[in-house]
Amino acid sequence: MIKTFDCAVIGRGISGVLVARKLASMGLHVAVFHDDKPIKTSFAESLPASTHPLLVRLGLHPYLHHSAHFPCSGTYSSWGSATLQQPDVERVLQQKPGWKVDKSYLISQLVEDLPETVVMFGKVSGLEQQRAHWQISSKNYMGEAVQVSARFVADASGRQGYLPRVLNIQRHFFDKLMAFVVNVPSVKVAQLPHPVLVEAQQHCWSLVSQVSDKSTMLAIFSNQTSPDFERYNSFENWHEVSEKSIYFKQFINKNMHVPVHKVNASSHICSQLTGRNWLLLGDAAMSFDPLSSHGMTTAMYMADKAGEAIAHYFSGKSQGLDDYSEQMTSIYNTYLNELVERYNAEQRWSGEPFWQSKQAIHVSKEGALVC
């Protein structure tokens, strides 16, 4: 027996859950497909104060008032000079604060509140585009094979992207940045009362981001131009390769042994974001360098706008899909220009291959060319 839905959402990350939630609120029947692989690392995501209107529109503030998430007044930065640049706390106090968010926990909160019109399935094992619908093979929560028919597919399956592979959609990559990530017990450093720190180094840049009172995420961002690239894979090397840092090394316990997780942190955008009855959102559509702090904010914004575009589609206004694609491409072009400007603000090691590779991303005056 084939189960029929209005929309299938592939992926249960933040963008997938939010678009499913929005579509269900409009009365659409939604199937969500997801892979139950365990998350190995806790990522400390930041939402700047400027996202307040978006959070209100999405109805997310009640979820953030939980101990898993906490207000954040900004980021300490050592970028362009050795001087530690502090957040403008006075300005932050005059407006709504930003947030440090446990993304995995927020997703679990949202999933728990999804209405019954949203049905969960396992990983997609087959996907075929028919004339007026999509045929999807998967398994239900009991592990039984199921066939699902959906009039529309929204792909929020992350950087790997399911639809781009099925439809042979080209991805435009702008760099090969990798993140080396660990979770360690929190360390108190006098200069950083609430440790969120970005520090440029000779062959990389590094991040300290508090996950909770007891846990902090440390990350090194680099690429294969760095002579230390392979050494980042072992935490035992981190203190030595960061010995010339001023702040980051203070968070590294030389006697600790923790696993390092290597994660793709490159920037890319797909050459096509929408089609006749499909749409890409989140990292499946376009991904961001963590230096920009755009990732989670844009994923939420894309979910909101994707929901609107899909609603227009079901009301017979397919122009909404074209408008969505144009708007997201414009956002990405702006991001690329800002990213190049940010990397070029660090000139202390402009002769080093890592910094040359990051400062040489080519963006035309009109932005990145997306065909």
Protein backbone atom coordinates (compact mmCIF):
# COMPACT_ATOMS: atom_id res chain seq x y z
CA MET A 1 0.00 0.00 0.00
CA ILE A 2 1.34 3.41 -0.99
CA LYS A 3 1.05 6.21 1.57
CA THR A 4 0.22 9.57 0.02
CA PHE A 5 1.39 12.98 1.26
CA ASP A 6 1.38 16.54 0.02
CA CYS A 7 5.07 17.11 0.73
CA ALA A 8 8.06 14.95 1.57
CA VAL A 9 10.90 16.53 3.55
CA ILE A 10 14.24 14.73 3.34
CA GLY A 11 16.31 15.46 6.42
CA ARG A 12 15.46 16.20 10.04
CA GLY A 13 17.96 18.94 10.78
CA ILE A 14 16.87 22.39 11.86
CA SER A 15 15.73 23.49 8.38
CA GLY A 16 13.89 20.22 7.71
CA VAL A 17 11.98 20.25 10.99
CA LEU A 18 11.07 23.93 10.69
CA VAL A 19 9.76 23.63 7.12
CA ALA A 20 7.76 20.51 8.07
CA ARG A 21 6.32 22.42 11.03
CA LYS A 22 5.36 25.38 8.86
CA LEU A 23 3.77 23.24 6.14
CA ALA A 24 1.76 21.29 8.73
CA SER A 25 0.50 24.57 10.20
CA MET A 26 -0.90 25.35 6.74
CA GLY A 27 -2.90 22.13 6.72
CA LEU A 28 -0.57 20.08 4.49
CA HIS A 29 0.21 16.42 5.17
CA VAL A 30 3.98 16.01 5.48
CA ALA A 31 6.32 13.00 5.47
CA VAL A 32 9.77 13.50 7.02
CA PHE A 33 12.61 11.12 6.13
CA HIS A 34 15.68 10.96 8.32
CA ASP A 35 18.72 8.87 9.13
CA ASP A 36 18.97 7.96 12.81
CA LYS A 37 22.77 7.99 12.92
CA PRO A 38 23.95 9.19 16.35
CA ILE A 39 25.49 12.66 16.56
CA LYS A 40 29.11 12.25 17.68
CA THR A 41 29.90 15.86 18.54
CA SER A 42 27.99 18.65 20.27
CA PHE A 43 28.14 21.81 18.19
CA ALA A 44 27.66 25.13 19.93
CA GLU A 45 25.62 27.21 17.51
CA SER A 46 25.24 30.97 17.83
CA LEU A 47 22.22 33.08 16.98
CA PRO A 48 23.04 36.81 16.93
CA ALA A 49 20.72 39.39 18.47
CA SER A 50 19.63 40.44 14.97
CA THR A 51 17.72 37.15 14.60
CA HIS A 52 15.13 38.20 17.22
CA PRO A 53 12.38 39.08 14.66
CA LEU A 54 12.94 35.75 12.88
CA LEU A 55 12.76 33.82 16.16
CA VAL A 56 9.49 35.58 16.98
CA ARG A 57 8.06 34.83 13.53
CA LEU A 58 9.00 31.15 13.85
CA GLY A 59 7.70 30.93 17.41
CA LEU A 60 11.02 29.69 18.77
CA HIS A 61 11.52 31.84 21.86
CA PRO A 62 9.64 29.46 24.20
CA TYR A 63 12.03 26.66 23.20
CA LEU A 64 15.12 28.77 23.89
CA HIS A 65 14.11 29.39 27.51
CA HIS A 66 15.50 26.00 28.52
CA SER A 67 18.73 25.24 30.35
CA ALA A 68 20.18 23.66 27.18
CA HIS A 69 20.32 27.14 25.61
CA PHE A 70 21.54 30.40 27.11
CA PRO A 71 21.81 34.11 26.23
CA CYS A 72 25.11 35.25 24.74
CA SER A 73 26.42 38.80 24.59
CA GLY A 74 28.84 38.34 21.72
CA THR A 75 32.19 36.95 20.60
CA TYR A 76 35.74 37.73 21.69
CA SER A 77 38.07 38.01 18.72
CA SER A 78 41.78 38.13 18.01
CA TRP A 79 41.72 38.85 14.30
CA GLY A 80 43.97 41.23 12.40
CA SER A 81 46.04 41.90 15.52
CA ALA A 82 47.05 40.23 18.78
CA THR A 83 44.73 42.57 20.68
CA LEU A 84 41.69 40.83 22.13
CA GLN A 85 38.60 42.56 20.79
CA GLN A 86 35.74 42.32 23.26
CA PRO A 87 32.02 42.24 22.51
CA ASP A 88 30.19 45.54 22.85
CA VAL A 89 28.35 44.51 26.01
CA GLU A 90 26.73 47.92 26.54
CA ARG A 91 25.16 47.79 23.08
CA VAL A 92 24.00 44.22 23.67
CA LEU A 93 22.38 45.19 26.97
CA GLN A 94 20.32 47.81 25.13
CA GLN A 95 18.73 45.20 22.88
CA LYS A 96 17.62 41.58 22.98
CA PRO A 97 20.58 39.21 23.55
CA GLY A 98 21.84 36.64 21.11
CA TRP A 99 21.74 32.95 22.01
CA LYS A 100 24.05 29.97 22.31
CA VAL A 101 21.95 27.06 21.14
CA ASP A 102 22.31 23.32 21.58
CA LYS A 103 21.09 22.57 18.06
CA SER A 104 20.50 18.85 18.63
CA TYR A 105 18.38 19.55 21.68
CA LEU A 106 16.41 22.29 19.91
CA ILE A 107 15.64 19.88 17.08
CA SER A 108 14.42 17.26 19.58
CA GLN A 109 12.18 19.91 21.20
CA LEU A 110 10.66 20.82 17.84
CA VAL A 111 10.18 17.19 16.76
CA GLU A 112 8.34 16.42 19.99
CA ASP A 113 5.86 19.22 19.24
CA LEU A 114 5.19 18.32 15.59
CA PRO A 115 1.50 17.64 14.87
CA GLU A 116 0.14 14.24 13.86
CA THR A 117 -0.10 15.38 10.24
CA VAL A 118 3.70 15.05 10.13
CA VAL A 119 4.74 11.39 9.81
CA MET A 120 8.32 10.20 10.40
CA PHE A 121 10.04 7.63 8.21
CA GLY A 122 13.58 6.27 8.06
CA LYS A 123 16.29 6.92 5.52
CA VAL A 124 15.33 7.31 1.86
CA SER A 125 16.40 4.18 -0.01
CA GLY A 126 14.95 5.11 -3.38
CA LEU A 127 13.54 8.22 -5.06
CA GLU A 128 11.92 8.46 -8.48
CA GLN A 129 10.34 11.48 -10.12
CA GLN A 130 7.04 10.69 -11.86
CA ARG A 131 5.00 13.03 -14.05
CA ALA A 132 2.98 14.60 -11.21
CA HIS A 133 4.52 13.19 -8.03
CA TRP A 134 7.55 11.58 -6.41
CA GLN A 135 7.78 7.88 -5.51
CA ILE A 136 9.90 7.33 -2.38
CA SER A 137 11.10 4.07 -0.83
CA SER A 138 11.89 3.94 2.88
CA LYS A 139 11.09 2.13 6.13
CA ASN A 140 8.64 2.96 8.91
CA TYR A 141 9.47 3.15 12.63
CA MET A 142 9.02 -0.66 12.87
CA GLY A 143 11.62 -1.25 10.17
CA GLU A 144 9.09 -2.35 7.56
CA ALA A 145 9.57 -1.31 3.93
CA VAL A 146 7.14 1.39 2.79
CA GLN A 147 6.33 3.24 -0.41
CA VAL A 148 5.43 6.92 -0.19
CA SER A 149 3.96 9.18 -2.85
CA ALA A 150 4.41 12.95 -2.49
CA ARG A 151 3.40 15.82 -4.74
CA PHE A 152 6.41 17.89 -3.68
CA VAL A 153 9.88 17.17 -2.24
CA ALA A 154 11.91 19.53 -0.05
CA ASP A 155 15.51 18.37 0.38
CA ALA A 156 17.04 19.42 3.70
CA SER A 157 19.42 16.45 3.91
CA GLY A 158 22.58 18.43 4.65
CA ARG A 159 25.82 18.95 2.75
CA GLN A 160 25.63 15.61 0.95
CA GLY A 161 22.25 16.54 -0.54
CA TYR A 162 19.95 13.79 -1.85
CA LEU A 163 18.23 15.56 -4.74
CA PRO A 164 21.43 17.09 -6.19
CA ARG A 165 22.76 13.56 -6.65
CA VAL A 166 19.50 12.15 -8.05
CA LEU A 167 18.99 15.07 -10.44
CA ASN A 168 22.70 15.52 -11.22
CA ILE A 169 22.74 19.14 -10.06
CA GLN A 170 26.17 20.77 -10.09
CA ARG A 171 27.63 22.20 -6.89
CA HIS A 172 29.84 25.30 -6.99
CA PHE A 173 32.58 24.96 -4.35
CA PHE A 174 34.53 28.04 -3.28
CA ASP A 175 37.11 26.48 -0.95
CA LYS A 176 38.16 23.25 0.79
CA LEU A 177 37.96 24.32 4.42
CA MET A 178 37.86 21.53 7.00
CA ALA A 179 36.97 21.71 10.70
CA PHE A 180 38.68 19.61 13.37
CA VAL A 181 36.34 19.53 16.36
CA VAL A 182 36.51 18.26 19.95
CA ASN A 183 34.32 18.53 23.03
CA VAL A 184 36.25 19.08 26.26
CA PRO A 185 35.42 20.02 29.87
CA SER A 186 34.97 23.77 30.24
CA VAL A 187 38.00 25.78 31.35
CA LYS A 188 37.75 29.20 33.00
CA VAL A 189 40.04 31.85 31.49
CA ALA A 190 40.15 35.21 33.28
CA GLN A 191 40.06 37.36 30.12
CA LEU A 192 37.03 35.48 28.77
CA PRO A 193 34.20 35.40 31.32
CA HIS A 194 31.88 33.73 28.79
CA PRO A 195 34.18 31.90 26.37
CA VAL A 196 33.19 32.43 22.78
CA LEU A 197 36.45 33.17 21.03
CA VAL A 198 37.71 33.38 17.46
CA GLU A 199 41.50 33.58 17.04
CA ALA A 200 43.52 33.74 13.83
CA GLN A 201 46.73 31.70 13.74
CA GLN A 202 49.55 31.31 11.22
CA HIS A 203 48.15 28.25 9.43
CA CYS A 204 44.51 28.22 10.55
CA TRP A 205 41.92 29.94 12.66
CA SER A 206 40.47 28.54 15.85
CA LEU A 207 37.21 28.70 17.77
CA VAL A 208 36.25 28.26 21.41
CA SER A 209 32.51 27.98 21.96
CA GLN A 210 30.78 27.03 25.18
CA VAL A 211 28.23 24.23 24.82
CA SER A 212 27.10 24.13 28.47
CA ASP A 213 28.41 24.91 31.96
CA LYS A 214 30.45 21.71 31.82
CA SER A 215 31.35 21.35 28.15
CA THR A 216 33.13 23.50 25.56
CA MET A 217 33.68 22.92 21.86
CA LEU A 218 37.16 23.62 20.47
CA ALA A 219 37.71 23.72 16.73
CA ILE A 220 40.56 24.33 14.30
CA PHE A 221 39.67 25.41 10.75
CA SER A 222 42.24 24.86 8.01
CA ASN A 223 42.90 23.16 4.68
CA GLN A 224 45.59 21.03 3.08
CA THR A 225 47.80 24.05 2.43
CA SER A 226 48.65 24.01 6.15
CA PRO A 227 51.85 22.10 7.09
CA ASP A 228 50.03 20.95 10.25
CA PHE A 229 46.91 19.70 8.46
CA GLU A 230 47.36 15.99 9.27
CA ARG A 231 48.48 16.76 12.83
CA TYR A 232 45.13 18.37 13.62
CA ASN A 233 43.60 14.87 13.52
CA SER A 234 45.12 14.06 16.93
CA PHE A 235 44.24 16.20 19.96
CA GLU A 236 47.61 15.33 21.50
CA ASN A 237 49.18 17.66 18.88
CA TRP A 238 46.91 20.64 19.42
CA HIS A 239 48.83 22.42 22.15
CA GLU A 240 52.08 22.20 20.18
CA VAL A 241 50.60 23.37 16.86
CA SER A 242 48.82 26.20 18.72
CA GLU A 243 51.75 27.18 20.94
CA LYS A 244 52.08 30.56 19.19
CA SER A 245 48.43 31.37 19.81
CA ILE A 246 47.75 33.74 22.69
CA TYR A 247 44.33 32.60 23.86
CA PHE A 248 43.30 29.33 22.18
CA LYS A 249 46.09 27.28 23.77
CA GLN A 250 44.79 28.20 27.24
CA PHE A 251 41.76 25.98 26.61
CA ILE A 252 43.83 22.93 25.60
CA ASN A 253 44.65 20.35 28.27
CA LYS A 254 47.90 18.72 27.13
CA ASN A 255 47.21 15.59 29.19
CA MET A 256 43.73 14.95 27.83
CA HIS A 257 42.91 12.34 25.19
CA VAL A 258 39.71 13.04 23.28
CA PRO A 259 38.61 12.06 19.76
CA VAL A 260 38.86 14.66 17.00
CA HIS A 261 36.01 14.80 14.50
CA LYS A 262 36.85 16.04 11.02
CA VAL A 263 33.98 17.95 9.38
CA ASN A 264 33.58 19.58 5.98
CA ALA A 265 33.31 23.35 6.53
CA SER A 266 33.61 24.52 2.92
CA SER A 267 31.39 27.04 1.15
CA HIS A 268 29.23 25.77 -1.71
CA ILE A 269 25.96 26.50 -3.48
CA CYS A 270 24.02 24.30 -5.89
CA SER A 271 23.58 25.57 -9.44
CA GLN A 272 19.80 25.04 -9.19
CA LEU A 273 17.80 25.48 -5.98
CA THR A 274 14.26 24.73 -7.20
CA GLY A 275 12.47 22.79 -9.92
CA ARG A 276 8.95 21.97 -11.08
CA ASN A 277 7.96 20.22 -7.83
CA TRP A 278 11.05 20.30 -5.64
CA LEU A 279 13.20 22.65 -3.60
CA LEU A 280 16.54 22.62 -1.76
CA LEU A 281 17.09 24.25 1.62
CA GLY A 282 19.66 24.32 4.39
CA ASP A 283 23.10 22.87 3.66
CA ALA A 284 21.63 20.79 0.83
CA ALA A 285 21.20 24.09 -1.04
CA MET A 286 24.17 26.11 0.17
CA SER A 287 26.72 25.91 2.95
CA PHE A 288 28.59 28.56 4.90
CA ASP A 289 32.03 29.04 6.40
CA PRO A 290 31.54 28.94 10.22
CA LEU A 291 33.51 32.20 10.45
CA SER A 292 30.44 33.97 9.08
CA SER A 293 28.07 32.68 11.80
CA HIS A 294 25.47 32.47 9.00
CA GLY A 295 24.80 28.73 9.08
CA MET A 296 21.99 28.19 11.58
CA THR A 297 20.42 31.61 11.09
CA THR A 298 20.20 31.14 7.33
CA ALA A 299 18.91 27.56 7.73
CA MET A 300 16.04 28.92 9.81
CA TYR A 301 15.37 31.76 7.37
CA MET A 302 15.43 29.36 4.42
CA ALA A 303 12.92 27.08 6.14
CA ASP A 304 10.58 30.03 6.65
CA LYS A 305 10.86 31.18 3.03
CA ALA A 306 10.75 27.62 1.66
CA GLY A 307 7.48 27.06 3.51
CA GLU A 308 6.04 30.17 1.88
CA ALA A 309 7.26 29.12 -1.59
CA ILE A 310 5.79 25.62 -1.23
CA ALA A 311 2.49 27.05 0.01
CA HIS A 312 2.39 29.26 -3.12
CA TYR A 313 3.07 26.16 -5.23
CA PHE A 314 0.07 24.34 -3.77
CA SER A 315 -2.11 27.39 -4.39
CA GLY A 316 -1.14 27.33 -8.07
CA LYS A 317 1.50 30.10 -7.93
CA SER A 318 4.73 28.42 -9.05
CA GLN A 319 6.47 31.82 -9.35
CA GLY A 320 7.08 31.52 -5.60
CA LEU A 321 9.72 28.87 -6.29
CA ASP A 322 11.60 31.15 -8.70
CA ASP A 323 11.41 34.00 -6.20
CA TYR A 324 12.80 31.75 -3.47
CA SER A 325 15.72 30.67 -5.67
CA GLU A 326 16.54 34.25 -6.65
CA GLN A 327 16.40 35.49 -3.06
CA MET A 328 18.61 32.70 -1.68
CA THR A 329 21.18 33.17 -4.46
CA SER A 330 21.32 36.89 -3.66
CA ILE A 331 21.86 36.12 0.03
CA TYR A 332 24.70 33.77 -0.85
CA ASN A 333 26.41 36.29 -3.12
CA THR A 334 26.32 38.85 -0.30
CA TYR A 335 27.74 36.26 2.10
CA LEU A 336 30.68 35.48 -0.22
CA ASN A 337 31.64 39.12 -0.52
CA GLU A 338 31.47 39.56 3.26
CA LEU A 339 33.54 36.39 3.77
CA VAL A 340 36.35 37.57 1.49
CA GLU A 341 36.36 40.92 3.28
CA ARG A 342 36.57 39.20 6.68
CA TYR A 343 39.50 36.96 5.69
CA ASN A 344 41.33 39.90 4.13
CA ALA A 345 41.08 41.77 7.43
CA GLU A 346 43.80 39.39 8.70
CA GLN A 347 47.11 40.45 7.09
CA ARG A 348 49.69 39.24 9.63
CA TRP A 349 50.27 36.01 7.68
CA SER A 350 49.22 37.10 4.19
CA GLY A 351 52.19 35.23 2.72
CA GLU A 352 51.12 31.88 4.20
CA PRO A 353 49.39 29.41 1.84
CA PHE A 354 46.33 29.00 4.11
CA TRP A 355 45.59 32.72 4.23
CA GLN A 356 46.35 33.17 0.55
CA SER A 357 43.85 30.41 -0.28
CA LYS A 358 41.13 32.06 1.82
CA GLN A 359 41.81 35.59 0.64
CA ALA A 360 41.82 34.60 -3.02
CA ILE A 361 38.22 33.36 -3.30
CA HIS A 362 37.07 35.01 -6.52
CA VAL A 363 33.80 36.89 -6.30
CA SER A 364 32.76 39.17 -9.15
CA LYS A 365 31.27 42.61 -8.56
CA GLU A 366 27.83 41.08 -9.07
CA GLY A 367 28.67 38.20 -6.72
CA ALA A 368 29.28 34.53 -7.35
CA LEU A 369 28.11 33.27 -10.70
CA VAL A 370 25.36 30.70 -10.16
CA CYS A 371 24.23 29.22 -13.42
